[in-house]
PDB file of all heavy atoms in Angstrom:
ATOM      1  N   ARG A   1     -14.412  19.485  46.125  1.00  0.00           N
ATOM      2  CA  ARG A   1     -13.440  19.505  47.220  1.00  0.00           C
ATOM      3  C   ARG A   1     -14.070  20.164  48.435  1.00  0.00           C
ATOM      4  O   ARG A   1     -14.614  21.264  48.348  1.00  0.00           O
ATOM      5  CB  ARG A   1     -12.171  20.250  46.796  1.00  0.00           C
ATOM      6  CG  ARG A   1     -11.027  20.085  47.780  1.00  0.00           C
ATOM      7  CD  ARG A   1      -9.705  20.530  47.166  1.00  0.00           C
ATOM      8  NE  ARG A   1      -8.591  20.278  48.075  1.00  0.00           N
ATOM      9  CZ  ARG A   1      -8.008  19.118  48.242  1.00  0.00           C
ATOM     10  NH1 ARG A   1      -8.438  18.076  47.560  1.00  0.00           N
ATOM     11  NH2 ARG A   1      -6.992  18.963  49.074  1.00  0.00           N
ATOM     12  N   TYR A   2     -14.020  19.495  49.551  1.00  0.00           N
ATOM     13  CA  TYR A   2     -14.611  20.015  50.779  1.00  0.00           C
ATOM     14  C   TYR A   2     -13.504  20.284  51.791  1.00  0.00           C
ATOM     15  O   TYR A   2     -12.775  19.380  52.189  1.00  0.00           O
ATOM     16  CB  TYR A   2     -15.620  19.020  51.357  1.00  0.00           C
ATOM     17  CG  TYR A   2     -16.320  19.557  52.574  1.00  0.00           C
ATOM     18  CD1 TYR A   2     -17.318  20.519  52.462  1.00  0.00           C
ATOM     19  CD2 TYR A   2     -15.957  19.128  53.845  1.00  0.00           C
ATOM     20  CE1 TYR A   2     -17.950  21.029  53.578  1.00  0.00           C
ATOM     21  CE2 TYR A   2     -16.581  19.636  54.975  1.00  0.00           C
ATOM     22  CZ  TYR A   2     -17.570  20.589  54.833  1.00  0.00           C
ATOM     23  OH  TYR A   2     -18.183  21.102  55.942  1.00  0.00           O
ATOM     24  N   VAL A   3     -13.388  21.557  52.198  1.00  0.00           N
ATOM     25  CA  VAL A   3     -12.373  21.974  53.164  1.00  0.00           C
ATOM     26  C   VAL A   3     -13.070  22.696  54.314  1.00  0.00           C
ATOM     27  O   VAL A   3     -13.884  23.598  54.094  1.00  0.00           O
ATOM     28  CB  VAL A   3     -11.323  22.911  52.514  1.00  0.00           C
ATOM     29  CG1 VAL A   3     -10.298  23.362  53.552  1.00  0.00           C
ATOM     30  CG2 VAL A   3     -10.638  22.218  51.352  1.00  0.00           C
ATOM     31  N   LYS A   4     -12.782  22.282  55.543  1.00  0.00           N
ATOM     32  CA  LYS A   4     -13.406  22.894  56.705  1.00  0.00           C
ATOM     33  C   LYS A   4     -12.403  22.975  57.857  1.00  0.00           C
ATOM     34  O   LYS A   4     -11.879  21.950  58.287  1.00  0.00           O
ATOM     35  CB  LYS A   4     -14.629  22.069  57.141  1.00  0.00           C
ATOM     36  CG  LYS A   4     -15.507  22.778  58.157  1.00  0.00           C
ATOM     37  CD  LYS A   4     -16.287  23.904  57.523  1.00  0.00           C
ATOM     38  CE  LYS A   4     -17.237  24.566  58.500  1.00  0.00           C
ATOM     39  NZ  LYS A   4     -17.956  25.692  57.907  1.00  0.00           N
ATOM     40  N   PRO A   5     -12.111  24.191  58.351  1.00  0.00           N
ATOM     41  CA  PRO A   5     -11.229  24.291  59.517  1.00  0.00           C
ATOM     42  C   PRO A   5     -11.982  23.901  60.796  1.00  0.00           C
ATOM     43  O   PRO A   5     -13.216  23.945  60.847  1.00  0.00           O
ATOM     44  CB  PRO A   5     -10.851  25.772  59.527  1.00  0.00           C
ATOM     45  CG  PRO A   5     -11.990  26.468  58.853  1.00  0.00           C
ATOM     46  CD  PRO A   5     -12.510  25.497  57.823  1.00  0.00           C
ATOM     47  N   ASN A   6     -11.252  23.515  61.786  1.00  0.00           N
ATOM     48  CA  ASN A   6     -11.815  23.167  63.102  1.00  0.00           C
ATOM     49  C   ASN A   6     -12.978  22.177  63.000  1.00  0.00           C
ATOM     50  O   ASN A   6     -14.080  22.441  63.490  1.00  0.00           O
ATOM     51  CB  ASN A   6     -12.275  24.428  63.843  1.00  0.00           C
ATOM     52  CG  ASN A   6     -11.170  25.450  63.989  1.00  0.00           C
ATOM     53  OD1 ASN A   6     -10.033  25.097  64.319  1.00  0.00           O
ATOM     54  ND2 ASN A   6     -11.495  26.714  63.732  1.00  0.00           N
ATOM     55  N   PRO A   7     -12.789  21.041  62.368  1.00  0.00           N
ATOM     56  CA  PRO A   7     -13.904  20.094  62.184  1.00  0.00           C
ATOM     57  C   PRO A   7     -14.452  19.556  63.493  1.00  0.00           C
ATOM     58  O   PRO A   7     -15.596  19.101  63.533  1.00  0.00           O
ATOM     59  CB  PRO A   7     -13.265  18.976  61.345  1.00  0.00           C
ATOM     60  CG  PRO A   7     -11.803  19.065  61.620  1.00  0.00           C
ATOM     61  CD  PRO A   7     -11.526  20.532  61.802  1.00  0.00           C
ATOM     62  N   HIS A   8     -13.677  19.604  64.572  1.00  0.00           N
ATOM     63  CA  HIS A   8     -14.153  19.095  65.859  1.00  0.00           C
ATOM     64  C   HIS A   8     -15.276  19.971  66.425  1.00  0.00           C
ATOM     65  O   HIS A   8     -16.008  19.535  67.314  1.00  0.00           O
ATOM     66  CB  HIS A   8     -12.998  19.030  66.859  1.00  0.00           C
ATOM     67  CG  HIS A   8     -11.963  18.008  66.499  1.00  0.00           C
ATOM     68  ND1 HIS A   8     -12.125  16.661  66.749  1.00  0.00           N
ATOM     69  CD2 HIS A   8     -10.764  18.138  65.880  1.00  0.00           C
ATOM     70  CE1 HIS A   8     -11.061  16.007  66.316  1.00  0.00           C
ATOM     71  NE2 HIS A   8     -10.211  16.878  65.779  1.00  0.00           N
ATOM     72  N   GLU A   9     -15.398  21.188  65.915  1.00  0.00           N
ATOM     73  CA  GLU A   9     -16.448  22.093  66.398  1.00  0.00           C
ATOM     74  C   GLU A   9     -17.777  21.852  65.695  1.00  0.00           C
ATOM     75  O   GLU A   9     -18.799  22.411  66.080  1.00  0.00           O
ATOM     76  CB  GLU A   9     -16.013  23.548  66.198  1.00  0.00           C
ATOM     77  CG  GLU A   9     -14.771  23.937  67.008  1.00  0.00           C
ATOM     78  CD  GLU A   9     -14.340  25.366  66.745  1.00  0.00           C
ATOM     79  OE1 GLU A   9     -15.062  26.062  65.978  1.00  0.00           O
ATOM     80  OE2 GLU A   9     -13.311  25.790  67.301  1.00  0.00           O
ATOM     81  N   ILE A  10     -17.773  21.049  64.657  1.00  0.00           N
ATOM     82  CA  ILE A  10     -19.000  20.782  63.897  1.00  0.00           C
ATOM     83  C   ILE A  10     -19.653  19.530  64.449  1.00  0.00           C
ATOM     84  O   ILE A  10     -19.106  18.434  64.339  1.00  0.00           O
ATOM     85  CB  ILE A  10     -18.703  20.603  62.401  1.00  0.00           C
ATOM     86  CG1 ILE A  10     -17.999  21.840  61.846  1.00  0.00           C
ATOM     87  CG2 ILE A  10     -19.994  20.332  61.635  1.00  0.00           C
ATOM     88  CD1 ILE A  10     -17.541  21.678  60.423  1.00  0.00           C
ATOM     89  N   GLU A  11     -20.807  19.677  65.064  1.00  0.00           N
ATOM     90  CA  GLU A  11     -21.512  18.536  65.647  1.00  0.00           C
ATOM     91  C   GLU A  11     -22.659  18.069  64.749  1.00  0.00           C
ATOM     92  O   GLU A  11     -22.796  16.908  64.442  1.00  0.00           O
ATOM     93  CB  GLU A  11     -22.035  18.903  67.040  1.00  0.00           C
ATOM     94  CG  GLU A  11     -20.935  19.202  68.045  1.00  0.00           C
ATOM     95  CD  GLU A  11     -20.018  18.008  68.278  1.00  0.00           C
ATOM     96  OE1 GLU A  11     -20.504  16.864  68.243  1.00  0.00           O
ATOM     97  OE2 GLU A  11     -18.807  18.209  68.478  1.00  0.00           O
ATOM     98  N   ASN A  12     -23.505  19.000  64.358  1.00  0.00           N
ATOM     99  CA  ASN A  12     -24.632  18.678  63.479  1.00  0.00           C
ATOM    100  C   ASN A  12     -24.756  19.778  62.439  1.00  0.00           C
ATOM    101  O   ASN A  12     -25.055  20.933  62.777  1.00  0.00           O
ATOM    102  CB  ASN A  12     -25.941  18.569  64.276  1.00  0.00           C
ATOM    103  CG  ASN A  12     -25.981  17.330  65.147  1.00  0.00           C
ATOM    104  OD1 ASN A  12     -26.214  16.230  64.672  1.00  0.00           O
ATOM    105  ND2 ASN A  12     -25.735  17.516  66.439  1.00  0.00           N
ATOM    106  N   ALA A  13     -24.519  19.423  61.199  1.00  0.00           N
ATOM    107  CA  ALA A  13     -24.597  20.413  60.126  1.00  0.00           C
ATOM    108  C   ALA A  13     -25.006  19.704  58.845  1.00  0.00           C
ATOM    109  O   ALA A  13     -24.787  18.501  58.671  1.00  0.00           O
ATOM    110  CB  ALA A  13     -23.254  21.107  59.932  1.00  0.00           C
ATOM    111  N   THR A  14     -25.630  20.439  57.952  1.00  0.00           N
ATOM    112  CA  THR A  14     -26.057  19.863  56.684  1.00  0.00           C
ATOM    113  C   THR A  14     -25.921  20.899  55.592  1.00  0.00           C
ATOM    114  O   THR A  14     -26.182  22.079  55.800  1.00  0.00           O
ATOM    115  CB  THR A  14     -27.513  19.357  56.773  1.00  0.00           C
ATOM    116  OG1 THR A  14     -27.899  18.823  55.512  1.00  0.00           O
ATOM    117  CG2 THR A  14     -28.472  20.477  57.151  1.00  0.00           C
ATOM    118  N   TRP A  15     -25.470  20.454  54.436  1.00  0.00           N
ATOM    119  CA  TRP A  15     -25.305  21.350  53.302  1.00  0.00           C
ATOM    120  C   TRP A  15     -25.777  20.654  52.041  1.00  0.00           C
ATOM    121  O   TRP A  15     -25.580  19.453  51.885  1.00  0.00           O
ATOM    122  CB  TRP A  15     -23.836  21.714  53.097  1.00  0.00           C
ATOM    123  CG  TRP A  15     -23.157  22.255  54.300  1.00  0.00           C
ATOM    124  CD1 TRP A  15     -23.058  23.566  54.667  1.00  0.00           C
ATOM    125  CD2 TRP A  15     -22.469  21.508  55.317  1.00  0.00           C
ATOM    126  NE1 TRP A  15     -22.354  23.668  55.844  1.00  0.00           N
ATOM    127  CE2 TRP A  15     -21.980  22.440  56.269  1.00  0.00           C
ATOM    128  CE3 TRP A  15     -22.226  20.148  55.520  1.00  0.00           C
ATOM    129  CZ2 TRP A  15     -21.273  22.050  57.396  1.00  0.00           C
ATOM    130  CZ3 TRP A  15     -21.520  19.754  56.643  1.00  0.00           C
ATOM    131  CH2 TRP A  15     -21.043  20.692  57.567  1.00  0.00           C
ATOM    132  N   MET A  16     -26.414  21.400  51.153  1.00  0.00           N
ATOM    133  CA  MET A  16     -26.599  20.894  49.799  1.00  0.00           C
ATOM    134  C   MET A  16     -25.455  21.476  48.989  1.00  0.00           C
ATOM    135  O   MET A  16     -25.315  22.699  48.899  1.00  0.00           O
ATOM    136  CB  MET A  16     -27.929  21.327  49.191  1.00  0.00           C
ATOM    137  CG  MET A  16     -28.096  20.869  47.737  1.00  0.00           C
ATOM    138  SD  MET A  16     -29.526  21.575  46.942  1.00  0.00           S
ATOM    139  CE  MET A  16     -30.825  20.707  47.770  1.00  0.00           C
ATOM    140  N   LEU A  17     -24.633  20.642  48.433  1.00  0.00           N
ATOM    141  CA  LEU A  17     -23.455  21.136  47.743  1.00  0.00           C
ATOM    142  C   LEU A  17     -23.790  21.644  46.342  1.00  0.00           C
ATOM    143  O   LEU A  17     -23.426  22.746  45.973  1.00  0.00           O
ATOM    144  CB  LEU A  17     -22.407  20.024  47.655  1.00  0.00           C
ATOM    145  CG  LEU A  17     -21.936  19.439  48.988  1.00  0.00           C
ATOM    146  CD1 LEU A  17     -20.890  18.368  48.743  1.00  0.00           C
ATOM    147  CD2 LEU A  17     -21.358  20.539  49.881  1.00  0.00           C
ATOM    148  N   THR A  18     -24.481  20.833  45.567  1.00  0.00           N
ATOM    149  CA  THR A  18     -24.656  21.139  44.149  1.00  0.00           C
ATOM    150  C   THR A  18     -25.907  20.462  43.604  1.00  0.00           C
ATOM    151  O   THR A  18     -26.332  19.427  44.108  1.00  0.00           O
ATOM    152  CB  THR A  18     -23.440  20.628  43.341  1.00  0.00           C
ATOM    153  OG1 THR A  18     -22.238  21.045  43.974  1.00  0.00           O
ATOM    154  CG2 THR A  18     -23.446  21.161  41.919  1.00  0.00           C
ATOM    155  N   VAL A  19     -26.485  21.065  42.563  1.00  0.00           N
ATOM    156  CA  VAL A  19     -27.515  20.400  41.758  1.00  0.00           C
ATOM    157  C   VAL A  19     -26.900  20.108  40.393  1.00  0.00           C
ATOM    158  O   VAL A  19     -26.322  20.988  39.757  1.00  0.00           O
ATOM    159  CB  VAL A  19     -28.777  21.271  41.612  1.00  0.00           C
ATOM    160  CG1 VAL A  19     -29.717  20.690  40.558  1.00  0.00           C
ATOM    161  CG2 VAL A  19     -29.502  21.388  42.943  1.00  0.00           C
ATOM    162  N   PHE A  20     -27.006  18.856  39.949  1.00  0.00           N
ATOM    163  CA  PHE A  20     -26.457  18.441  38.671  1.00  0.00           C
ATOM    164  C   PHE A  20     -27.572  18.199  37.667  1.00  0.00           C
ATOM    165  O   PHE A  20     -28.562  17.531  37.972  1.00  0.00           O
ATOM    166  CB  PHE A  20     -25.639  17.152  38.838  1.00  0.00           C
ATOM    167  CG  PHE A  20     -24.452  17.311  39.738  1.00  0.00           C
ATOM    168  CD1 PHE A  20     -24.534  16.929  41.072  1.00  0.00           C
ATOM    169  CD2 PHE A  20     -23.270  17.866  39.271  1.00  0.00           C
ATOM    170  CE1 PHE A  20     -23.458  17.092  41.918  1.00  0.00           C
ATOM    171  CE2 PHE A  20     -22.183  18.030  40.116  1.00  0.00           C
ATOM    172  CZ  PHE A  20     -22.270  17.642  41.443  1.00  0.00           C
ATOM    173  N   ASN A  21     -27.411  18.758  36.462  1.00  0.00           N
ATOM    174  CA  ASN A  21     -28.308  18.499  35.347  1.00  0.00           C
ATOM    175  C   ASN A  21     -27.725  17.335  34.552  1.00  0.00           C
ATOM    176  O   ASN A  21     -26.632  17.449  33.995  1.00  0.00           O
ATOM    177  CB  ASN A  21     -28.435  19.732  34.452  1.00  0.00           C
ATOM    178  CG  ASN A  21     -29.015  20.914  35.189  1.00  0.00           C
ATOM    179  OD1 ASN A  21     -30.086  20.815  35.769  1.00  0.00           O
ATOM    180  ND2 ASN A  21     -28.309  22.044  35.172  1.00  0.00           N
ATOM    181  N   CYS A  22     -28.445  16.224  34.523  1.00  0.00           N
ATOM    182  CA  CYS A  22     -27.904  15.007  33.915  1.00  0.00           C
ATOM    183  C   CYS A  22     -29.046  14.198  33.311  1.00  0.00           C
ATOM    184  O   CYS A  22     -30.053  13.954  33.983  1.00  0.00           O
ATOM    185  CB  CYS A  22     -27.172  14.209  34.994  1.00  0.00           C
ATOM    186  SG  CYS A  22     -26.478  12.649  34.465  1.00  0.00           S
ATOM    187  N   PHE A  23     -28.914  13.798  32.050  1.00  0.00           N
ATOM    188  CA  PHE A  23     -29.947  13.032  31.344  1.00  0.00           C
ATOM    189  C   PHE A  23     -31.284  13.774  31.304  1.00  0.00           C
ATOM    190  O   PHE A  23     -32.348  13.157  31.246  1.00  0.00           O
ATOM    191  CB  PHE A  23     -30.147  11.652  31.980  1.00  0.00           C
ATOM    192  CG  PHE A  23     -28.936  10.760  31.916  1.00  0.00           C
ATOM    193  CD1 PHE A  23     -28.198  10.502  33.065  1.00  0.00           C
ATOM    194  CD2 PHE A  23     -28.539  10.182  30.715  1.00  0.00           C
ATOM    195  CE1 PHE A  23     -27.081   9.681  33.018  1.00  0.00           C
ATOM    196  CE2 PHE A  23     -27.426   9.357  30.658  1.00  0.00           C
ATOM    197  CZ  PHE A  23     -26.693   9.105  31.806  1.00  0.00           C
ATOM    198  N   GLY A  24     -31.245  15.093  31.353  1.00  0.00           N
ATOM    199  CA  GLY A  24     -32.476  15.881  31.324  1.00  0.00           C
ATOM    200  C   GLY A  24     -33.189  15.971  32.650  1.00  0.00           C
ATOM    201  O   GLY A  24     -34.309  16.487  32.725  1.00  0.00           O
ATOM    202  N   TYR A  25     -32.558  15.468  33.722  1.00  0.00           N
ATOM    203  CA  TYR A  25     -33.131  15.528  35.064  1.00  0.00           C
ATOM    204  C   TYR A  25     -32.137  16.233  36.001  1.00  0.00           C
ATOM    205  O   TYR A  25     -31.024  16.574  35.595  1.00  0.00           O
ATOM    206  CB  TYR A  25     -33.423  14.124  35.593  1.00  0.00           C
ATOM    207  CG  TYR A  25     -34.503  13.392  34.829  1.00  0.00           C
ATOM    208  CD1 TYR A  25     -34.178  12.584  33.744  1.00  0.00           C
ATOM    209  CD2 TYR A  25     -35.847  13.496  35.202  1.00  0.00           C
ATOM    210  CE1 TYR A  25     -35.167  11.906  33.038  1.00  0.00           C
ATOM    211  CE2 TYR A  25     -36.833  12.821  34.505  1.00  0.00           C
ATOM    212  CZ  TYR A  25     -36.493  12.031  33.426  1.00  0.00           C
ATOM    213  OH  TYR A  25     -37.470  11.368  32.735  1.00  0.00           O
ATOM    214  N   GLN A  26     -32.573  16.438  37.257  1.00  0.00           N
ATOM    215  CA  GLN A  26     -31.728  17.109  38.239  1.00  0.00           C
ATOM    216  C   GLN A  26     -31.488  16.196  39.447  1.00  0.00           C
ATOM    217  O   GLN A  26     -32.389  15.475  39.884  1.00  0.00           O
ATOM    218  CB  GLN A  26     -32.369  18.425  38.712  1.00  0.00           C
ATOM    219  CG  GLN A  26     -32.369  19.524  37.663  1.00  0.00           C
ATOM    220  CD  GLN A  26     -33.320  19.232  36.514  1.00  0.00           C
ATOM    221  OE1 GLN A  26     -34.461  18.823  36.734  1.00  0.00           O
ATOM    222  NE2 GLN A  26     -32.845  19.413  35.297  1.00  0.00           N
ATOM    223  N   PHE A  27     -30.269  16.269  39.971  1.00  0.00           N
ATOM    224  CA  PHE A  27     -29.852  15.467  41.115  1.00  0.00           C
ATOM    225  C   PHE A  27     -29.204  16.390  42.153  1.00  0.00           C
ATOM    226  O   PHE A  27     -28.416  17.267  41.788  1.00  0.00           O
ATOM    227  CB  PHE A  27     -28.847  14.393  40.691  1.00  0.00           C
ATOM    228  CG  PHE A  27     -29.375  13.423  39.671  1.00  0.00           C
ATOM    229  CD1 PHE A  27     -29.417  13.762  38.322  1.00  0.00           C
ATOM    230  CD2 PHE A  27     -29.830  12.173  40.054  1.00  0.00           C
ATOM    231  CE1 PHE A  27     -29.906  12.870  37.375  1.00  0.00           C
ATOM    232  CE2 PHE A  27     -30.321  11.273  39.119  1.00  0.00           C
ATOM    233  CZ  PHE A  27     -30.358  11.624  37.771  1.00  0.00           C
ATOM    234  N   CYS A  28     -29.543  16.199  43.430  1.00  0.00           N
ATOM    235  CA  CYS A  28     -29.012  17.038  44.513  1.00  0.00           C
ATOM    236  C   CYS A  28     -27.960  16.265  45.301  1.00  0.00           C
ATOM    237  O   CYS A  28     -28.251  15.179  45.823  1.00  0.00           O
ATOM    238  CB  CYS A  28     -30.126  17.438  45.483  1.00  0.00           C
ATOM    239  SG  CYS A  28     -31.575  18.166  44.717  1.00  0.00           S
ATOM    240  N   LEU A  29     -26.776  16.823  45.408  1.00  0.00           N
ATOM    241  CA  LEU A  29     -25.717  16.213  46.208  1.00  0.00           C
ATOM    242  C   LEU A  29     -25.714  16.848  47.588  1.00  0.00           C
ATOM    243  O   LEU A  29     -25.626  18.064  47.731  1.00  0.00           O
ATOM    244  CB  LEU A  29     -24.358  16.413  45.540  1.00  0.00           C
ATOM    245  CG  LEU A  29     -23.140  15.891  46.304  1.00  0.00           C
ATOM    246  CD1 LEU A  29     -23.218  14.370  46.458  1.00  0.00           C
ATOM    247  CD2 LEU A  29     -21.850  16.299  45.598  1.00  0.00           C
ATOM    248  N   HIS A  30     -25.800  16.017  48.635  1.00  0.00           N
ATOM    249  CA  HIS A  30     -25.816  16.488  50.019  1.00  0.00           C
ATOM    250  C   HIS A  30     -24.581  16.002  50.761  1.00  0.00           C
ATOM    251  O   HIS A  30     -24.055  14.919  50.479  1.00  0.00           O
ATOM    252  CB  HIS A  30     -27.050  15.949  50.755  1.00  0.00           C
ATOM    253  CG  HIS A  30     -28.346  16.479  50.245  1.00  0.00           C
ATOM    254  ND1 HIS A  30     -28.977  17.579  50.783  1.00  0.00           N
ATOM    255  CD2 HIS A  30     -29.143  16.048  49.233  1.00  0.00           C
ATOM    256  CE1 HIS A  30     -30.112  17.801  50.128  1.00  0.00           C
ATOM    257  NE2 HIS A  30     -30.232  16.885  49.190  1.00  0.00           N
ATOM    258  N   PHE A  31     -24.160  16.805  51.726  1.00  0.00           N
ATOM    259  CA  PHE A  31     -23.062  16.410  52.618  1.00  0.00           C
ATOM    260  C   PHE A  31     -23.473  16.807  54.033  1.00  0.00           C
ATOM    261  O   PHE A  31     -23.861  17.955  54.256  1.00  0.00           O
ATOM    262  CB  PHE A  31     -21.770  17.116  52.212  1.00  0.00           C
ATOM    263  CG  PHE A  31     -20.539  16.539  52.860  1.00  0.00           C
ATOM    264  CD1 PHE A  31     -19.958  15.390  52.377  1.00  0.00           C
ATOM    265  CD2 PHE A  31     -19.969  17.158  53.967  1.00  0.00           C
ATOM    266  CE1 PHE A  31     -18.824  14.856  52.968  1.00  0.00           C
ATOM    267  CE2 PHE A  31     -18.843  16.630  54.565  1.00  0.00           C
ATOM    268  CZ  PHE A  31     -18.258  15.474  54.061  1.00  0.00           C
ATOM    269  N   GLU A  32     -23.413  15.871  54.969  1.00  0.00           N
ATOM    270  CA  GLU A  32     -23.912  16.115  56.317  1.00  0.00           C
ATOM    271  C   GLU A  32     -22.894  15.698  57.369  1.00  0.00           C
ATOM    272  O   GLU A  32     -22.089  14.785  57.148  1.00  0.00           O
ATOM    273  CB  GLU A  32     -25.203  15.324  56.559  1.00  0.00           C
ATOM    274  CG  GLU A  32     -26.279  15.584  55.540  1.00  0.00           C
ATOM    275  CD  GLU A  32     -27.649  15.729  56.161  1.00  0.00           C
ATOM    276  OE1 GLU A  32     -27.758  15.567  57.391  1.00  0.00           O
ATOM    277  OE2 GLU A  32     -28.591  16.015  55.422  1.00  0.00           O
ATOM    278  N   ALA A  33     -22.956  16.380  58.507  1.00  0.00           N
ATOM    279  CA  ALA A  33     -22.174  16.002  59.685  1.00  0.00           C
ATOM    280  C   ALA A  33     -23.147  15.773  60.834  1.00  0.00           C
ATOM    281  O   ALA A  33     -23.995  16.618  61.111  1.00  0.00           O
ATOM    282  CB  ALA A  33     -21.180  17.111  60.045  1.00  0.00           C
ATOM    283  N   PHE A  34     -23.058  14.608  61.481  1.00  0.00           N
ATOM    284  CA  PHE A  34     -23.955  14.310  62.594  1.00  0.00           C
ATOM    285  C   PHE A  34     -23.342  13.186  63.418  1.00  0.00           C
ATOM    286  O   PHE A  34     -22.246  12.692  63.110  1.00  0.00           O
ATOM    287  CB  PHE A  34     -25.354  13.932  62.099  1.00  0.00           C
ATOM    288  CG  PHE A  34     -25.401  12.714  61.212  1.00  0.00           C
ATOM    289  CD1 PHE A  34     -25.766  11.474  61.714  1.00  0.00           C
ATOM    290  CD2 PHE A  34     -25.092  12.804  59.856  1.00  0.00           C
ATOM    291  CE1 PHE A  34     -25.823  10.348  60.900  1.00  0.00           C
ATOM    292  CE2 PHE A  34     -25.145  11.687  59.031  1.00  0.00           C
ATOM    293  CZ  PHE A  34     -25.510  10.455  59.562  1.00  0.00           C
ATOM    294  N   HIS A  35     -24.020  12.781  64.486  1.00  0.00           N
ATOM    295  CA  HIS A  35     -23.552  11.699  65.335  1.00  0.00           C
ATOM    296  C   HIS A  35     -24.337  10.423  65.045  1.00  0.00           C
ATOM    297  O   HIS A  35     -25.572  10.445  64.993  1.00  0.00           O
ATOM    298  CB  HIS A  35     -23.689  12.062  66.816  1.00  0.00           C
ATOM    299  CG  HIS A  35     -22.551  12.878  67.322  1.00  0.00           C
ATOM    300  ND1 HIS A  35     -22.442  14.228  67.085  1.00  0.00           N
ATOM    301  CD2 HIS A  35     -21.448  12.528  68.064  1.00  0.00           C
ATOM    302  CE1 HIS A  35     -21.336  14.689  67.648  1.00  0.00           C
ATOM    303  NE2 HIS A  35     -20.711  13.676  68.242  1.00  0.00           N
ATOM    304  N   LEU A  36     -23.627   9.348  64.845  1.00  0.00           N
ATOM    305  CA  LEU A  36     -24.232   8.035  64.712  1.00  0.00           C
ATOM    306  C   LEU A  36     -23.984   7.324  66.035  1.00  0.00           C
ATOM    307  O   LEU A  36     -22.905   6.800  66.288  1.00  0.00           O
ATOM    308  CB  LEU A  36     -23.599   7.281  63.544  1.00  0.00           C
ATOM    309  CG  LEU A  36     -24.257   5.963  63.123  1.00  0.00           C
ATOM    310  CD1 LEU A  36     -25.720   6.171  62.761  1.00  0.00           C
ATOM    311  CD2 LEU A  36     -23.508   5.357  61.935  1.00  0.00           C
ATOM    312  N   GLY A  37     -24.993   7.368  66.909  1.00  0.00           N
ATOM    313  CA  GLY A  37     -24.771   6.968  68.299  1.00  0.00           C
ATOM    314  C   GLY A  37     -23.910   8.036  68.960  1.00  0.00           C
ATOM    315  O   GLY A  37     -24.293   9.197  69.036  1.00  0.00           O
ATOM    316  N   THR A  38     -22.729   7.649  69.386  1.00  0.00           N
ATOM    317  CA  THR A  38     -21.797   8.626  69.985  1.00  0.00           C
ATOM    318  C   THR A  38     -20.650   8.962  69.037  1.00  0.00           C
ATOM    319  O   THR A  38     -19.757   9.727  69.392  1.00  0.00           O
ATOM    320  CB  THR A  38     -21.215   8.062  71.296  1.00  0.00           C
ATOM    321  OG1 THR A  38     -20.544   6.822  71.029  1.00  0.00           O
ATOM    322  CG2 THR A  38     -22.323   7.829  72.323  1.00  0.00           C
ATOM    323  N   THR A  39     -20.673   8.375  67.829  1.00  0.00           N
ATOM    324  CA  THR A  39     -19.567   8.560  66.893  1.00  0.00           C
ATOM    325  C   THR A  39     -19.877   9.679  65.900  1.00  0.00           C
ATOM    326  O   THR A  39     -20.887   9.624  65.187  1.00  0.00           O
ATOM    327  CB  THR A  39     -19.309   7.261  66.098  1.00  0.00           C
ATOM    328  OG1 THR A  39     -19.080   6.183  67.002  1.00  0.00           O
ATOM    329  CG2 THR A  39     -18.113   7.428  65.173  1.00  0.00           C
ATOM    330  N   PRO A  40     -19.037  10.718  65.830  1.00  0.00           N
ATOM    331  CA  PRO A  40     -19.244  11.772  64.825  1.00  0.00           C
ATOM    332  C   PRO A  40     -18.897  11.251  63.440  1.00  0.00           C
ATOM    333  O   PRO A  40     -17.847  10.629  63.237  1.00  0.00           O
ATOM    334  CB  PRO A  40     -18.280  12.876  65.259  1.00  0.00           C
ATOM    335  CG  PRO A  40     -17.244  12.191  66.092  1.00  0.00           C
ATOM    336  CD  PRO A  40     -17.895  11.010  66.714  1.00  0.00           C
ATOM    337  N   VAL A  41     -19.822  11.455  62.498  1.00  0.00           N
ATOM    338  CA  VAL A  41     -19.635  10.948  61.134  1.00  0.00           C
ATOM    339  C   VAL A  41     -19.979  12.033  60.121  1.00  0.00           C
ATOM    340  O   VAL A  41     -20.639  13.029  60.435  1.00  0.00           O
ATOM    341  CB  VAL A  41     -20.507   9.701  60.860  1.00  0.00           C
ATOM    342  CG1 VAL A  41     -20.139   8.562  61.801  1.00  0.00           C
ATOM    343  CG2 VAL A  41     -21.994  10.035  60.952  1.00  0.00           C
ATOM    344  N   TYR A  42     -19.515  11.797  58.893  1.00  0.00           N
ATOM    345  CA  TYR A  42     -19.918  12.592  57.740  1.00  0.00           C
ATOM    346  C   TYR A  42     -20.638  11.655  56.780  1.00  0.00           C
ATOM    347  O   TYR A  42     -20.325  10.465  56.698  1.00  0.00           O
ATOM    348  CB  TYR A  42     -18.715  13.227  57.039  1.00  0.00           C
ATOM    349  CG  TYR A  42     -17.937  14.168  57.924  1.00  0.00           C
ATOM    350  CD1 TYR A  42     -16.731  13.761  58.500  1.00  0.00           C
ATOM    351  CD2 TYR A  42     -18.404  15.450  58.194  1.00  0.00           C
ATOM    352  CE1 TYR A  42     -16.006  14.615  59.315  1.00  0.00           C
ATOM    353  CE2 TYR A  42     -17.689  16.313  59.012  1.00  0.00           C
ATOM    354  CZ  TYR A  42     -16.501  15.889  59.575  1.00  0.00           C
ATOM    355  OH  TYR A  42     -15.806  16.737  60.381  1.00  0.00           O
ATOM    356  N   MET A  43     -21.598  12.211  56.052  1.00  0.00           N
ATOM    357  CA  MET A  43     -22.366  11.394  55.112  1.00  0.00           C
ATOM    358  C   MET A  43     -22.627  12.184  53.832  1.00  0.00           C
ATOM    359  O   MET A  43     -22.980  13.370  53.872  1.00  0.00           O
ATOM    360  CB  MET A  43     -23.703  10.974  55.735  1.00  0.00           C
ATOM    361  CG  MET A  43     -24.582  10.115  54.827  1.00  0.00           C
ATOM    362  SD  MET A  43     -26.095   9.590  55.700  1.00  0.00           S
ATOM    363  CE  MET A  43     -26.982   8.769  54.374  1.00  0.00           C
TER     364      MET A  43
END
C-alpha cells in the first residue's frame, strides 16, 4: 500500500519498495514519480 500526502509536490522521486525472495532468487520492486513529457506519471 502506497500512501503519500501532497502528491502534487512530488515531481521526480524514486523508491525501492521491497526485495522479494522467490524461487531462490531476489527481485526488486521499484516505484517512481517523474514527468513523461509534460505529464506527471507514476511507474
